Amino acid sequence: MSFFISSAHAAGEAGPQGGGFQMFIMLGMFAVIFYFMIYRPQAKRTKEHKNLMSSMGKGDEVLTSGGLVGKITKTTEDNDYIVIALNDSNEVTIKKDFVSAVLPKGTLKSL
């Protein structure tokens, strides 16, 4: 029977046992990489978008995330909605969160 199945032999010596500290160093490096590559840029974008939303006022020309371009005609401080005039006869009410950019003055006339 031993002709087909070879006998198992135990390993002569064990591997290094002091790997606990190296594991903590590796986890720390992953945490630093996660912070600088994922969390920090997203937090920066969120802060910039909040500053954009707070700086909007009546008369600003804006671009929404849905692709609409218009001029703000009404804003309210108590709720997060604004009214955008797309042209002389159409107005749309949207949340401030959906504004992706404030355009320079005169952009609507150039379109």
Protein backbone atom coordinates (compact mmCIF):
# COMPACT_ATOMS: atom_id res chain seq x y z
CA MET A 1 0.00 0.00 0.00
CA SER A 2 2.86 2.39 0.68
CA PHE A 3 3.90 1.90 -2.91
CA PHE A 4 1.01 4.13 -4.17
CA ILE A 5 0.77 6.54 -1.23
CA SER A 6 3.87 8.17 0.09
CA SER A 7 4.34 8.56 3.83
CA ALA A 8 3.76 12.00 5.30
CA HIS A 9 6.72 13.52 7.07
CA ALA A 10 6.45 16.40 9.52
CA ALA A 11 8.30 19.60 8.76
CA GLY A 12 11.65 19.88 10.48
CA GLU A 13 11.36 23.45 11.81
CA ALA A 14 8.53 25.97 12.16
CA GLY A 15 8.35 29.39 10.49
CA PRO A 16 8.99 32.65 12.33
CA GLN A 17 6.60 33.27 15.22
CA GLY A 18 6.99 37.07 15.65
CA GLY A 19 4.54 38.22 12.95
CA GLY A 20 2.12 40.13 15.21
CA PHE A 21 3.94 43.46 15.16
CA GLN A 22 4.37 43.34 11.40
CA MET A 23 0.63 42.82 11.03
CA PHE A 24 -0.07 46.04 12.98
CA ILE A 25 2.37 47.96 10.80
CA MET A 26 0.69 46.63 7.65
CA LEU A 27 -2.80 47.54 8.94
CA GLY A 28 -1.55 51.02 9.79
CA MET A 29 -0.17 51.45 6.28
CA PHE A 30 -3.50 50.39 4.78
CA ALA A 31 -5.31 52.88 7.00
CA VAL A 32 -3.02 55.71 5.84
CA ILE A 33 -3.47 54.75 2.18
CA PHE A 34 -7.27 54.57 2.64
CA TYR A 35 -7.31 58.02 4.26
CA PHE A 36 -5.23 59.78 1.61
CA MET A 37 -6.67 58.06 -1.46
CA ILE A 38 -10.35 57.69 -0.60
CA TYR A 39 -11.59 59.61 2.44
CA ARG A 40 -9.69 62.91 2.13
CA PRO A 41 -10.57 63.69 -1.55
CA GLN A 42 -14.24 62.84 -0.95
CA ALA A 43 -14.39 65.06 2.13
CA LYS A 44 -12.79 67.90 0.13
CA ARG A 45 -15.39 67.55 -2.67
CA THR A 46 -18.22 67.53 -0.12
CA LYS A 47 -16.89 70.69 1.54
CA GLU A 48 -16.57 72.48 -1.82
CA HIS A 49 -20.15 71.51 -2.77
CA LYS A 50 -21.52 72.83 0.55
CA ASN A 51 -19.68 76.12 -0.01
CA LEU A 52 -21.16 76.27 -3.52
CA MET A 53 -24.70 75.71 -2.23
CA SER A 54 -24.36 78.37 0.47
CA SER A 55 -22.96 80.95 -1.96
CA MET A 56 -25.83 80.72 -4.47
CA GLY A 57 -28.14 83.70 -4.70
CA LYS A 58 -30.87 85.24 -6.79
CA GLY A 59 -29.68 86.03 -10.32
CA ASP A 60 -26.92 83.42 -10.46
CA GLU A 61 -26.76 81.23 -13.56
CA VAL A 62 -26.47 77.55 -12.63
CA LEU A 63 -26.02 74.11 -14.18
CA THR A 64 -27.92 71.24 -12.57
CA SER A 65 -26.80 67.63 -12.37
CA GLY A 66 -29.62 66.77 -14.79
CA GLY A 67 -28.18 69.10 -17.43
CA LEU A 68 -30.58 72.04 -17.07
CA VAL A 69 -29.11 75.53 -17.37
CA GLY A 70 -31.00 78.48 -15.94
CA LYS A 71 -31.06 81.56 -13.76
CA ILE A 72 -32.10 81.45 -10.09
CA THR A 73 -35.25 83.50 -9.54
CA LYS A 74 -36.16 82.52 -5.97
CA THR A 75 -34.26 81.15 -3.02
CA THR A 76 -35.35 80.43 0.52
CA GLU A 77 -33.13 79.99 3.54
CA ASP A 78 -35.55 77.84 5.57
CA ASN A 79 -35.81 75.00 3.05
CA ASP A 80 -33.39 73.66 0.47
CA TYR A 81 -35.34 74.48 -2.70
CA ILE A 82 -34.67 77.05 -5.40
CA VAL A 83 -36.64 78.15 -8.45
CA ILE A 84 -34.74 78.26 -11.73
CA ALA A 85 -35.98 80.10 -14.83
CA LEU A 86 -35.02 78.06 -17.89
CA ASN A 87 -36.35 80.72 -20.25
CA ASP A 88 -38.94 83.52 -20.06
CA SER A 89 -41.92 81.18 -19.69
CA ASN A 90 -40.56 78.06 -17.91
CA GLU A 91 -39.59 77.80 -14.26
CA VAL A 92 -38.46 74.69 -12.40
CA THR A 93 -38.26 74.11 -8.64
CA ILE A 94 -35.34 71.90 -7.58
CA LYS A 95 -33.33 71.11 -4.47
CA LYS A 96 -30.11 73.05 -3.99
CA ASP A 97 -28.24 69.74 -3.78
CA PHE A 98 -28.76 69.12 -7.50
CA VAL A 99 -26.86 72.23 -8.61
CA SER A 100 -23.49 71.08 -9.87
CA ALA A 101 -21.93 74.42 -10.91
CA VAL A 102 -22.49 78.16 -10.78
CA LEU A 103 -21.79 79.55 -14.26
CA PRO A 104 -20.20 82.94 -15.04
CA LYS A 105 -22.57 85.84 -15.75
CA GLY A 106 -23.72 86.01 -19.38
CA THR A 107 -23.46 82.29 -20.06
CA LEU A 108 -27.15 81.96 -20.87
CA LYS A 109 -26.98 84.73 -23.50
CA SER A 110 -24.05 83.03 -25.21
CA LEU A 111 -25.93 79.73 -25.57
